[in-house]
């Protein structure tokens, strides 16, 4: 009943202003999960696996508030309650995203994708309780987002089949030589094929919290191609990382495919990081399966496995039911 009440409530904040809508949505998971135990120091699976199968529960609630001015300017905010600690903080609140939208385009600030993540499309398959589809070492869907405090400002504009975006993530640590992060991206859809091109730049911490200007200036350039062909959706993403510190120079290739037949959806994706020094080599894959029961309930199964520098980094699996409200 509460969901219906919130979803249909209209509030008037000021006399003469347009009404604002407030909606609430929810998500819950129930199942069992297991993961290999990995040595925290070496990153290698322990010879004696001490992990155990355990119960899994998770609940997520999101508030969405939208409105429109008399002049046609749309505005709104989404609040993800499980991540929105410190709602009054402008630097540590990573659970909200606020937007303004009009004929000029859309400006979004907060917990949102940078322009590179926005432009490039990774096909990972359906979801799983422990995010097997994106939890493995071969996946890098956020690119250089989060290199600072996670607060991102992105502007995007769409004209027909062509869309453009630019974003920035401000350097909130005042260190000489460290600049703000930025990204630009373009998407184009033609005959059912989605193309994306983007670049991003950020200064990464090399492990010393930027003491003595210990930052790596990293530039990423990427391209993606994806499309749906009947029951099959597939895509490939290639990204090149070039850094002032050789440790971070690498190429990344990601390939994903999903197949839907009736209530069932199957998916698989694999990714590989090939670093110039071989010190950052990573690869992994994820396999997921969903079966919709209707009414927002879905049976989900997932498995992922990873390697670091050709050494087994373990895997995990999950099985259960996800509920969307």
C-alpha atoms as a PDB file:
ATOM      1  CA  UNK A   1       0.000   0.000   0.000  1.00  0.00           C
ATOM      2  CA  UNK A   2       2.789   2.407   0.742  1.00  0.00           C
ATOM      3  CA  UNK A   3       4.247   1.916  -2.720  1.00  0.00           C
ATOM      4  CA  UNK A   4       0.960   2.863  -4.347  1.00  0.00           C
ATOM      5  CA  UNK A   5       0.526   5.856  -2.030  1.00  0.00           C
ATOM      6  CA  UNK A   6       3.961   7.303  -2.805  1.00  0.00           C
ATOM      7  CA  UNK A   7       3.680   6.581  -6.519  1.00  0.00           C
ATOM      8  CA  UNK A   8       0.438   8.522  -6.845  1.00  0.00           C
ATOM      9  CA  UNK A   9       1.119  11.423  -4.472  1.00  0.00           C
ATOM     10  CA  UNK A  10       1.503  14.938  -5.914  1.00  0.00           C
ATOM     11  CA  UNK A  11       2.951  17.770  -3.827  1.00  0.00           C
ATOM     12  CA  UNK A  12       2.811  21.515  -4.463  1.00  0.00           C
ATOM     13  CA  UNK A  13       5.863  23.199  -2.969  1.00  0.00           C
ATOM     14  CA  UNK A  14       5.077  26.850  -3.754  1.00  0.00           C
ATOM     15  CA  UNK A  15       2.036  28.714  -4.917  1.00  0.00           C
ATOM     16  CA  UNK A  16       2.015  29.025  -8.690  1.00  0.00           C
ATOM     17  CA  UNK A  17       4.617  26.276  -9.177  1.00  0.00           C
ATOM     18  CA  UNK A  18       3.970  23.085 -11.076  1.00  0.00           C
ATOM     19  CA  UNK A  19       3.252  19.957  -9.017  1.00  0.00           C
ATOM     20  CA  UNK A  20       6.056  17.557  -8.156  1.00  0.00           C
ATOM     21  CA  UNK A  21       5.704  13.768  -8.201  1.00  0.00           C
ATOM     22  CA  UNK A  22       7.299  11.481  -5.623  1.00  0.00           C
ATOM     23  CA  UNK A  23       7.610   7.750  -6.308  1.00  0.00           C
ATOM     24  CA  UNK A  24       9.185   4.842  -4.470  1.00  0.00           C
ATOM     25  CA  UNK A  25      10.465   1.568  -5.883  1.00  0.00           C
ATOM     26  CA  UNK A  26      12.053  -1.409  -4.205  1.00  0.00           C
ATOM     27  CA  UNK A  27      14.156  -4.483  -4.812  1.00  0.00           C
ATOM     28  CA  UNK A  28      14.878  -7.545  -2.674  1.00  0.00           C
ATOM     29  CA  UNK A  29      16.966 -10.698  -3.006  1.00  0.00           C
ATOM     30  CA  UNK A  30      16.786 -14.043  -1.215  1.00  0.00           C
ATOM     31  CA  UNK A  31      19.028 -17.024  -1.904  1.00  0.00           C
ATOM     32  CA  UNK A  32      22.294 -18.831  -1.235  1.00  0.00           C
ATOM     33  CA  UNK A  33      25.827 -17.813  -2.232  1.00  0.00           C
ATOM     34  CA  UNK A  34      29.360 -19.170  -2.055  1.00  0.00           C
ATOM     35  CA  UNK A  35      32.821 -17.834  -2.963  1.00  0.00           C
ATOM     36  CA  UNK A  36      36.354 -19.203  -2.903  1.00  0.00           C
ATOM     37  CA  UNK A  37      38.474 -17.874  -0.043  1.00  0.00           C
ATOM     38  CA  UNK A  38      41.337 -15.757  -1.380  1.00  0.00           C
ATOM     39  CA  UNK A  39      44.501 -14.772   0.494  1.00  0.00           C
ATOM     40  CA  UNK A  40      44.294 -11.019   1.082  1.00  0.00           C
ATOM     41  CA  UNK A  41      48.061 -10.588   0.644  1.00  0.00           C
ATOM     42  CA  UNK A  42      48.823 -12.786  -2.357  1.00  0.00           C
ATOM     43  CA  UNK A  43      45.455 -12.608  -4.088  1.00  0.00           C
ATOM     44  CA  UNK A  44      45.639 -16.378  -4.659  1.00  0.00           C
ATOM     45  CA  UNK A  45      42.975 -18.922  -3.710  1.00  0.00           C
ATOM     46  CA  UNK A  46      43.833 -20.516  -0.359  1.00  0.00           C
ATOM     47  CA  UNK A  47      44.985 -24.127  -0.555  1.00  0.00           C
ATOM     48  CA  UNK A  48      42.390 -24.931   2.097  1.00  0.00           C
ATOM     49  CA  UNK A  49      39.155 -23.260   1.060  1.00  0.00           C
ATOM     50  CA  UNK A  50      37.616 -21.916   4.271  1.00  0.00           C
ATOM     51  CA  UNK A  51      34.592 -20.329   2.616  1.00  0.00           C
ATOM     52  CA  UNK A  52      31.163 -21.807   3.228  1.00  0.00           C
ATOM     53  CA  UNK A  53      27.827 -21.673   1.477  1.00  0.00           C
ATOM     54  CA  UNK A  54      25.611 -19.139   3.223  1.00  0.00           C
ATOM     55  CA  UNK A  55      22.227 -17.476   3.051  1.00  0.00           C
ATOM     56  CA  UNK A  56      21.959 -14.199   1.148  1.00  0.00           C
ATOM     57  CA  UNK A  57      19.442 -11.384   1.630  1.00  0.00           C
ATOM     58  CA  UNK A  58      19.519  -7.860   0.249  1.00  0.00           C
ATOM     59  CA  UNK A  59      17.000  -5.018   0.168  1.00  0.00           C
ATOM     60  CA  UNK A  60      17.212  -1.797  -1.828  1.00  0.00           C
ATOM     61  CA  UNK A  61      14.777   1.135  -1.808  1.00  0.00           C
ATOM     62  CA  UNK A  62      14.898   4.090  -4.198  1.00  0.00           C
ATOM     63  CA  UNK A  63      12.965   7.357  -3.985  1.00  0.00           C
ATOM     64  CA  UNK A  64      12.437   9.368  -7.177  1.00  0.00           C
ATOM     65  CA  UNK A  65      11.189  12.950  -7.139  1.00  0.00           C
ATOM     66  CA  UNK A  66      10.427  14.854 -10.339  1.00  0.00           C
ATOM     67  CA  UNK A  67       8.868  18.169 -11.263  1.00  0.00           C
ATOM     68  CA  UNK A  68       8.534  20.735 -14.041  1.00  0.00           C
ATOM     69  CA  UNK A  69       8.613  24.526 -14.011  1.00  0.00           C
ATOM     70  CA  UNK A  70       5.998  26.712 -15.684  1.00  0.00           C
ATOM     71  CA  UNK A  71       8.542  27.301 -18.438  1.00  0.00           C
ATOM     72  CA  UNK A  72       8.951  23.580 -19.203  1.00  0.00           C
ATOM     73  CA  UNK A  73      12.235  22.908 -17.356  1.00  0.00           C
ATOM     74  CA  UNK A  74      12.201  19.396 -15.906  1.00  0.00           C
ATOM     75  CA  UNK A  75      14.048  18.637 -12.680  1.00  0.00           C
ATOM     76  CA  UNK A  76      14.367  15.744 -10.274  1.00  0.00           C
ATOM     77  CA  UNK A  77      16.430  13.566  -7.976  1.00  0.00           C
ATOM     78  CA  UNK A  78      16.796   9.862  -7.237  1.00  0.00           C
ATOM     79  CA  UNK A  79      17.861   8.630  -3.791  1.00  0.00           C
ATOM     80  CA  UNK A  80      19.227   5.101  -3.367  1.00  0.00           C
ATOM     81  CA  UNK A  81      18.737   4.543   0.359  1.00  0.00           C
ATOM     82  CA  UNK A  82      21.359   1.819   0.841  1.00  0.00           C
ATOM     83  CA  UNK A  83      24.079   4.114  -0.560  1.00  0.00           C
ATOM     84  CA  UNK A  84      22.806   7.526   0.472  1.00  0.00           C
ATOM     85  CA  UNK A  85      24.585   8.008   3.780  1.00  0.00           C
ATOM     86  CA  UNK A  86      25.187  11.668   4.527  1.00  0.00           C
ATOM     87  CA  UNK A  87      22.423  13.182   2.416  1.00  0.00           C
ATOM     88  CA  UNK A  88      23.452  16.631   3.587  1.00  0.00           C
ATOM     89  CA  UNK A  89      27.048  16.256   2.418  1.00  0.00           C
ATOM     90  CA  UNK A  90      28.121  17.593  -0.971  1.00  0.00           C
ATOM     91  CA  UNK A  91      31.304  15.488  -1.100  1.00  0.00           C
ATOM     92  CA  UNK A  92      30.518  12.088   0.431  1.00  0.00           C
ATOM     93  CA  UNK A  93      26.901  11.443  -0.567  1.00  0.00           C
ATOM     94  CA  UNK A  94      27.158   8.817  -3.310  1.00  0.00           C
ATOM     95  CA  UNK A  95      23.550   7.629  -3.311  1.00  0.00           C
ATOM     96  CA  UNK A  96      21.827  10.495  -5.095  1.00  0.00           C
ATOM     97  CA  UNK A  97      21.672  11.956  -8.588  1.00  0.00           C
ATOM     98  CA  UNK A  98      20.029  15.331  -9.340  1.00  0.00           C
ATOM     99  CA  UNK A  99      19.097  16.428 -12.869  1.00  0.00           C
ATOM    100  CA  UNK A 100      17.886  19.427 -14.856  1.00  0.00           C
ATOM    101  CA  UNK A 101      16.544  18.837 -18.352  1.00  0.00           C
ATOM    102  CA  UNK A 102      15.218  21.001 -21.157  1.00  0.00           C
ATOM    103  CA  UNK A 103      15.704  21.883 -24.814  1.00  0.00           C
ATOM    104  CA  UNK A 104      19.376  22.539 -24.011  1.00  0.00           C
ATOM    105  CA  UNK A 105      19.927  18.904 -22.986  1.00  0.00           C
ATOM    106  CA  UNK A 106      20.291  17.256 -19.577  1.00  0.00           C
ATOM    107  CA  UNK A 107      22.637  18.032 -16.697  1.00  0.00           C
ATOM    108  CA  UNK A 108      23.030  15.292 -14.065  1.00  0.00           C
ATOM    109  CA  UNK A 109      25.140  15.664 -10.916  1.00  0.00           C
ATOM    110  CA  UNK A 110      25.899  13.082  -8.251  1.00  0.00           C
ATOM    111  CA  UNK A 111      26.005   9.300  -8.424  1.00  0.00           C
ATOM    112  CA  UNK A 112      25.833   9.008 -12.198  1.00  0.00           C
ATOM    113  CA  UNK A 113      27.911   7.615 -15.076  1.00  0.00           C
ATOM    114  CA  UNK A 114      30.750   9.633 -16.556  1.00  0.00           C
ATOM    115  CA  UNK A 115      30.588  10.339 -20.293  1.00  0.00           C
ATOM    116  CA  UNK A 116      32.753   7.322 -21.164  1.00  0.00           C
ATOM    117  CA  UNK A 117      30.639   4.853 -19.189  1.00  0.00           C
ATOM    118  CA  UNK A 118      27.541   6.537 -20.641  1.00  0.00           C
ATOM    119  CA  UNK A 119      28.754   6.183 -24.245  1.00  0.00           C
ATOM    120  CA  UNK A 120      30.165   2.639 -24.257  1.00  0.00           C
ATOM    121  CA  UNK A 121      27.829  -0.362 -24.047  1.00  0.00           C
ATOM    122  CA  UNK A 122      28.896  -3.595 -22.354  1.00  0.00           C
ATOM    123  CA  UNK A 123      26.654  -6.633 -22.844  1.00  0.00           C
ATOM    124  CA  UNK A 124      26.855  -8.634 -19.611  1.00  0.00           C
ATOM    125  CA  UNK A 125      23.672 -10.712 -19.593  1.00  0.00           C
ATOM    126  CA  UNK A 126      20.893 -10.794 -16.973  1.00  0.00           C
ATOM    127  CA  UNK A 127      21.494 -10.017 -13.312  1.00  0.00           C
ATOM    128  CA  UNK A 128      22.457 -12.268 -10.417  1.00  0.00           C
ATOM    129  CA  UNK A 129      22.293 -12.020  -6.623  1.00  0.00           C
ATOM    130  CA  UNK A 130      26.022 -11.264  -6.260  1.00  0.00           C
ATOM    131  CA  UNK A 131      26.479  -9.490  -9.608  1.00  0.00           C
ATOM    132  CA  UNK A 132      28.488 -12.341 -11.133  1.00  0.00           C
ATOM    133  CA  UNK A 133      28.087 -10.693 -14.526  1.00  0.00           C
ATOM    134  CA  UNK A 134      30.208  -7.710 -13.460  1.00  0.00           C
ATOM    135  CA  UNK A 135      32.127  -8.944 -10.379  1.00  0.00           C
ATOM    136  CA  UNK A 136      34.932 -10.770 -12.192  1.00  0.00           C
ATOM    137  CA  UNK A 137      38.397  -9.325 -12.832  1.00  0.00           C
ATOM    138  CA  UNK A 138      37.783  -9.019 -16.578  1.00  0.00           C
ATOM    139  CA  UNK A 139      35.073  -6.382 -16.195  1.00  0.00           C
ATOM    140  CA  UNK A 140      35.777  -2.632 -16.038  1.00  0.00           C
ATOM    141  CA  UNK A 141      32.446  -0.997 -16.756  1.00  0.00           C
ATOM    142  CA  UNK A 142      33.066   2.157 -14.736  1.00  0.00           C
ATOM    143  CA  UNK A 143      36.360   2.936 -16.523  1.00  0.00           C
ATOM    144  CA  UNK A 144      38.015   5.829 -14.629  1.00  0.00           C
ATOM    145  CA  UNK A 145      34.863   6.925 -12.781  1.00  0.00           C
ATOM    146  CA  UNK A 146      35.413   7.028  -9.025  1.00  0.00           C
ATOM    147  CA  UNK A 147      39.045   8.109  -9.262  1.00  0.00           C
ATOM    148  CA  UNK A 148      38.123  11.033  -6.976  1.00  0.00           C
ATOM    149  CA  UNK A 149      35.081  11.215  -4.649  1.00  0.00           C
ATOM    150  CA  UNK A 150      32.521   9.644  -6.993  1.00  0.00           C
ATOM    151  CA  UNK A 151      30.567  12.893  -7.458  1.00  0.00           C
ATOM    152  CA  UNK A 152      30.214  13.305 -11.237  1.00  0.00           C
ATOM    153  CA  UNK A 153      28.668  16.092 -13.302  1.00  0.00           C
ATOM    154  CA  UNK A 154      27.546  14.998 -16.796  1.00  0.00           C
ATOM    155  CA  UNK A 155      25.902  16.984 -19.583  1.00  0.00           C
ATOM    156  CA  UNK A 156      24.326  15.091 -22.474  1.00  0.00           C
ATOM    157  CA  UNK A 157      22.394  16.125 -25.566  1.00  0.00           C
ATOM    158  CA  UNK A 158      20.528  13.983 -28.091  1.00  0.00           C
ATOM    159  CA  UNK A 159      19.668  14.885 -31.683  1.00  0.00           C
ATOM    160  CA  UNK A 160      17.929  12.042 -33.481  1.00  0.00           C
ATOM    161  CA  UNK A 161      20.170   8.964 -33.561  1.00  0.00           C
ATOM    162  CA  UNK A 162      23.222  10.921 -32.395  1.00  0.00           C
ATOM    163  CA  UNK A 163      23.958  11.692 -28.737  1.00  0.00           C
ATOM    164  CA  UNK A 164      26.866  13.522 -27.068  1.00  0.00           C
ATOM    165  CA  UNK A 165      28.037  13.792 -23.454  1.00  0.00           C
ATOM    166  CA  UNK A 166      30.772  15.503 -21.454  1.00  0.00           C
ATOM    167  CA  UNK A 167      31.515  14.971 -17.777  1.00  0.00           C
ATOM    168  CA  UNK A 168      33.910  15.921 -15.001  1.00  0.00           C
ATOM    169  CA  UNK A 169      34.883  14.563 -11.597  1.00  0.00           C
ATOM    170  CA  UNK A 170      36.499  17.235  -9.424  1.00  0.00           C
ATOM    171  CA  UNK A 171      39.823  16.624  -7.677  1.00  0.00           C
ATOM    172  CA  UNK A 172      38.817  17.156  -4.047  1.00  0.00           C
ATOM    173  CA  UNK A 173      42.352  16.538  -2.726  1.00  0.00           C
ATOM    174  CA  UNK A 174      44.404  19.727  -3.106  1.00  0.00           C
ATOM    175  CA  UNK A 175      47.727  18.374  -4.354  1.00  0.00           C
ATOM    176  CA  UNK A 176      50.003  20.156  -6.810  1.00  0.00           C
ATOM    177  CA  UNK A 177      50.085  18.357 -10.138  1.00  0.00           C
ATOM    178  CA  UNK A 178      46.719  16.641  -9.719  1.00  0.00           C
ATOM    179  CA  UNK A 179      44.038  17.887 -12.100  1.00  0.00           C
ATOM    180  CA  UNK A 180      40.309  17.290 -12.395  1.00  0.00           C
ATOM    181  CA  UNK A 181      39.087  14.249 -14.270  1.00  0.00           C
ATOM    182  CA  UNK A 182      37.017  14.632 -17.426  1.00  0.00           C
ATOM    183  CA  UNK A 183      35.440  12.539 -20.181  1.00  0.00           C
ATOM    184  CA  UNK A 184      33.635  12.975 -23.493  1.00  0.00           C
ATOM    185  CA  UNK A 185      31.585  10.440 -25.419  1.00  0.00           C
ATOM    186  CA  UNK A 186      29.425  10.018 -28.507  1.00  0.00           C
ATOM    187  CA  UNK A 187      26.746   7.413 -29.273  1.00  0.00           C
ATOM    188  CA  UNK A 188      25.145   6.685 -32.637  1.00  0.00           C
ATOM    189  CA  UNK A 189      22.427   4.190 -33.548  1.00  0.00           C
ATOM    190  CA  UNK A 190      22.062   2.952 -37.121  1.00  0.00           C
ATOM    191  CA  UNK A 191      20.006   0.016 -38.435  1.00  0.00           C
ATOM    192  CA  UNK A 192      19.788  -1.620 -35.021  1.00  0.00           C
ATOM    193  CA  UNK A 193      23.528  -1.291 -34.337  1.00  0.00           C
ATOM    194  CA  UNK A 194      24.714   0.906 -31.467  1.00  0.00           C
ATOM    195  CA  UNK A 195      28.125   2.539 -31.798  1.00  0.00           C
ATOM    196  CA  UNK A 196      30.007   4.324 -29.028  1.00  0.00           C
ATOM    197  CA  UNK A 197      33.293   6.245 -28.909  1.00  0.00           C
ATOM    198  CA  UNK A 198      34.721   7.937 -25.826  1.00  0.00           C
ATOM    199  CA  UNK A 199      37.816   9.117 -23.983  1.00  0.00           C
ATOM    200  CA  UNK A 200      38.513   9.839 -20.326  1.00  0.00           C
ATOM    201  CA  UNK A 201      41.383  11.276 -18.296  1.00  0.00           C
ATOM    202  CA  UNK A 202      42.050  11.063 -14.543  1.00  0.00           C
ATOM    203  CA  UNK A 203      44.882  11.153 -12.018  1.00  0.00           C
ATOM    204  CA  UNK A 204      45.047   7.899 -10.058  1.00  0.00           C
ATOM    205  CA  UNK A 205      46.471   7.362  -6.587  1.00  0.00           C
ATOM    206  CA  UNK A 206      49.569   5.135  -6.851  1.00  0.00           C
ATOM    207  CA  UNK A 207      49.116   3.914  -3.304  1.00  0.00           C
ATOM    208  CA  UNK A 208      50.578   6.809  -1.318  1.00  0.00           C
ATOM    209  CA  UNK A 209      47.487   9.029  -1.126  1.00  0.00           C
ATOM    210  CA  UNK A 210      49.121  11.471  -3.569  1.00  0.00           C
ATOM    211  CA  UNK A 211      51.982  12.312  -1.190  1.00  0.00           C
ATOM    212  CA  UNK A 212      54.829  13.995  -3.080  1.00  0.00           C
ATOM    213  CA  UNK A 213      52.557  14.216  -6.140  1.00  0.00           C
ATOM    214  CA  UNK A 214      52.524  10.433  -6.440  1.00  0.00           C
ATOM    215  CA  UNK A 215      49.741  10.369  -9.020  1.00  0.00           C
ATOM    216  CA  UNK A 216      49.478   8.531 -12.304  1.00  0.00           C
ATOM    217  CA  UNK A 217      48.004  10.554 -15.172  1.00  0.00           C
ATOM    218  CA  UNK A 218      45.871   7.993 -17.023  1.00  0.00           C
ATOM    219  CA  UNK A 219      44.102   8.488 -20.366  1.00  0.00           C
ATOM    220  CA  UNK A 220      41.555   5.954 -21.592  1.00  0.00           C
ATOM    221  CA  UNK A 221      40.170   5.701 -25.138  1.00  0.00           C
ATOM    222  CA  UNK A 222      37.437   3.249 -26.027  1.00  0.00           C
ATOM    223  CA  UNK A 223      34.995   2.082 -28.678  1.00  0.00           C
ATOM    224  CA  UNK A 224      31.979  -0.238 -28.470  1.00  0.00           C
ATOM    225  CA  UNK A 225      29.667  -1.974 -30.932  1.00  0.00           C
ATOM    226  CA  UNK A 226      26.472  -3.752 -29.895  1.00  0.00           C
ATOM    227  CA  UNK A 227      23.132  -4.797 -31.290  1.00  0.00           C
ATOM    228  CA  UNK A 228      20.146  -7.108 -30.984  1.00  0.00           C
ATOM    229  CA  UNK A 229      19.564  -9.795 -33.593  1.00  0.00           C
ATOM    230  CA  UNK A 230      16.300 -11.584 -32.914  1.00  0.00           C
ATOM    231  CA  UNK A 231      16.636 -13.325 -29.548  1.00  0.00           C
ATOM    232  CA  UNK A 232      20.353 -12.593 -29.295  1.00  0.00           C
ATOM    233  CA  UNK A 233      22.025  -9.401 -28.037  1.00  0.00           C
ATOM    234  CA  UNK A 234      25.798  -9.143 -28.403  1.00  0.00           C
ATOM    235  CA  UNK A 235      28.518  -6.550 -28.073  1.00  0.00           C
ATOM    236  CA  UNK A 236      32.234  -5.901 -27.897  1.00  0.00           C
ATOM    237  CA  UNK A 237      34.192  -3.122 -26.168  1.00  0.00           C
ATOM    238  CA  UNK A 238      37.861  -2.242 -26.646  1.00  0.00           C
ATOM    239  CA  UNK A 239      39.668   0.227 -24.372  1.00  0.00           C
ATOM    240  CA  UNK A 240      43.292   1.413 -24.367  1.00  0.00           C
ATOM    241  CA  UNK A 241      44.837   2.885 -21.197  1.00  0.00           C
ATOM    242  CA  UNK A 242      47.903   5.111 -21.511  1.00  0.00           C
ATOM    243  CA  UNK A 243      49.576   6.380 -18.331  1.00  0.00           C
ATOM    244  CA  UNK A 244      52.501   8.417 -17.070  1.00  0.00           C
ATOM    245  CA  UNK A 245      53.257   5.359 -14.903  1.00  0.00           C
ATOM    246  CA  UNK A 246      53.988   2.275 -17.010  1.00  0.00           C
ATOM    247  CA  UNK A 247      52.242   0.065 -14.461  1.00  0.00           C
ATOM    248  CA  UNK A 248      48.856   1.316 -15.678  1.00  0.00           C
ATOM    249  CA  UNK A 249      49.439   0.969 -19.450  1.00  0.00           C
ATOM    250  CA  UNK A 250      47.062  -1.712 -20.709  1.00  0.00           C
ATOM    251  CA  UNK A 251      44.575  -2.828 -23.350  1.00  0.00           C
ATOM    252  CA  UNK A 252      41.169  -4.170 -22.357  1.00  0.00           C
ATOM    253  CA  UNK A 253      38.826  -6.307 -24.470  1.00  0.00           C
ATOM    254  CA  UNK A 254      35.325  -7.268 -23.356  1.00  0.00           C
ATOM    255  CA  UNK A 255      32.829  -9.475 -25.231  1.00  0.00           C
ATOM    256  CA  UNK A 256      29.297 -10.286 -24.081  1.00  0.00           C
ATOM    257  CA  UNK A 257      26.183 -12.055 -25.363  1.00  0.00           C
ATOM    258  CA  UNK A 258      22.679 -12.740 -24.053  1.00  0.00           C
ATOM    259  CA  UNK A 259      19.849 -14.914 -25.335  1.00  0.00           C
ATOM    260  CA  UNK A 260      16.160 -14.557 -24.477  1.00  0.00           C
ATOM    261  CA  UNK A 261      13.502 -17.174 -25.125  1.00  0.00           C
ATOM    262  CA  UNK A 262      10.132 -16.658 -23.484  1.00  0.00           C
ATOM    263  CA  UNK A 263      10.601 -16.185 -19.728  1.00  0.00           C
ATOM    264  CA  UNK A 264      14.239 -17.354 -19.810  1.00  0.00           C
ATOM    265  CA  UNK A 265      17.325 -15.200 -20.415  1.00  0.00           C
ATOM    266  CA  UNK A 266      20.883 -16.565 -20.526  1.00  0.00           C
ATOM    267  CA  UNK A 267      24.048 -14.479 -20.642  1.00  0.00           C
ATOM    268  CA  UNK A 268      27.818 -14.753 -20.699  1.00  0.00           C
ATOM    269  CA  UNK A 269      30.640 -12.244 -20.883  1.00  0.00           C
ATOM    270  CA  UNK A 270      34.413 -12.387 -20.768  1.00  0.00           C
ATOM    271  CA  UNK A 271      37.059  -9.694 -20.364  1.00  0.00           C
ATOM    272  CA  UNK A 272      40.833  -9.456 -20.475  1.00  0.00           C
ATOM    273  CA  UNK A 273      43.335  -6.797 -19.386  1.00  0.00           C
ATOM    274  CA  UNK A 274      46.721  -7.079 -21.102  1.00  0.00           C
ATOM    275  CA  UNK A 275      49.158  -4.720 -19.353  1.00  0.00           C
ATOM    276  CA  UNK A 276      52.448  -3.634 -20.911  1.00  0.00           C
ATOM    277  CA  UNK A 277      54.427  -4.693 -17.836  1.00  0.00           C
ATOM    278  CA  UNK A 278      52.321  -7.842 -17.280  1.00  0.00           C
ATOM    279  CA  UNK A 279      52.027  -6.721 -13.634  1.00  0.00           C
ATOM    280  CA  UNK A 280      48.372  -5.774 -14.071  1.00  0.00           C
ATOM    281  CA  UNK A 281      47.154  -8.660 -16.234  1.00  0.00           C
ATOM    282  CA  UNK A 282      43.576  -9.557 -15.342  1.00  0.00           C
ATOM    283  CA  UNK A 283      40.909 -11.711 -16.925  1.00  0.00           C
ATOM    284  CA  UNK A 284      37.624 -13.305 -15.989  1.00  0.00           C
ATOM    285  CA  UNK A 285      34.198 -14.372 -17.102  1.00  0.00           C
ATOM    286  CA  UNK A 286      30.625 -14.424 -15.804  1.00  0.00           C
ATOM    287  CA  UNK A 287      27.671 -16.682 -16.654  1.00  0.00           C
ATOM    288  CA  UNK A 288      24.119 -15.888 -15.583  1.00  0.00           C
ATOM    289  CA  UNK A 289      20.619 -17.293 -16.088  1.00  0.00           C
ATOM    290  CA  UNK A 290      17.220 -15.776 -15.274  1.00  0.00           C
ATOM    291  CA  UNK A 291      13.698 -17.162 -15.366  1.00  0.00           C
ATOM    292  CA  UNK A 292      10.833 -14.711 -14.920  1.00  0.00           C
ATOM    293  CA  UNK A 293       7.968 -15.890 -12.712  1.00  0.00           C
ATOM    294  CA  UNK A 294       5.929 -12.785 -13.512  1.00  0.00           C
ATOM    295  CA  UNK A 295       4.794 -10.021 -11.205  1.00  0.00           C
ATOM    296  CA  UNK A 296       8.368  -8.802 -10.668  1.00  0.00           C
ATOM    297  CA  UNK A 297       9.787 -12.085  -9.304  1.00  0.00           C
ATOM    298  CA  UNK A 298      12.724 -13.708 -11.120  1.00  0.00           C
ATOM    299  CA  UNK A 299      14.789 -16.809 -10.382  1.00  0.00           C
ATOM    300  CA  UNK A 300      18.471 -15.906 -10.807  1.00  0.00           C
ATOM    301  CA  UNK A 301      21.631 -18.024 -11.015  1.00  0.00           C
ATOM    302  CA  UNK A 302      25.170 -16.800 -11.565  1.00  0.00           C
ATOM    303  CA  UNK A 303      28.801 -17.894 -11.615  1.00  0.00           C
ATOM    304  CA  UNK A 304      32.043 -15.942 -12.099  1.00  0.00           C
ATOM    305  CA  UNK A 305      35.736 -16.834 -12.181  1.00  0.00           C
ATOM    306  CA  UNK A 306      38.877 -14.681 -12.364  1.00  0.00           C
ATOM    307  CA  UNK A 307      42.647 -14.792 -12.827  1.00  0.00           C
ATOM    308  CA  UNK A 308      45.393 -12.316 -11.928  1.00  0.00           C
ATOM    309  CA  UNK A 309      48.693 -12.631 -13.784  1.00  0.00           C
ATOM    310  CA  UNK A 310      47.694 -16.154 -14.890  1.00  0.00           C
ATOM    311  CA  UNK A 311      47.073 -17.245 -11.277  1.00  0.00           C
ATOM    312  CA  UNK A 312      43.650 -18.450 -10.173  1.00  0.00           C
ATOM    313  CA  UNK A 313      41.882 -15.703  -8.243  1.00  0.00           C
ATOM    314  CA  UNK A 314      38.875 -17.816  -7.390  1.00  0.00           C
ATOM    315  CA  UNK A 315      35.245 -17.796  -8.288  1.00  0.00           C
ATOM    316  CA  UNK A 316      31.784 -17.497  -6.788  1.00  0.00           C
ATOM    317  CA  UNK A 317      28.228 -18.604  -7.435  1.00  0.00           C
ATOM    318  CA  UNK A 318      24.729 -17.621  -6.346  1.00  0.00           C
ATOM    319  CA  UNK A 319      21.187 -18.968  -6.678  1.00  0.00           C
ATOM    320  CA  UNK A 320      17.924 -17.452  -5.523  1.00  0.00           C
ATOM    321  CA  UNK A 321      15.037 -15.172  -6.328  1.00  0.00           C
ATOM    322  CA  UNK A 322      15.015 -11.434  -7.002  1.00  0.00           C
ATOM    323  CA  UNK A 323      11.879  -9.374  -6.371  1.00  0.00           C
ATOM    324  CA  UNK A 324      11.181  -5.976  -7.961  1.00  0.00           C
ATOM    325  CA  UNK A 325       8.434  -3.773  -6.465  1.00  0.00           C
END
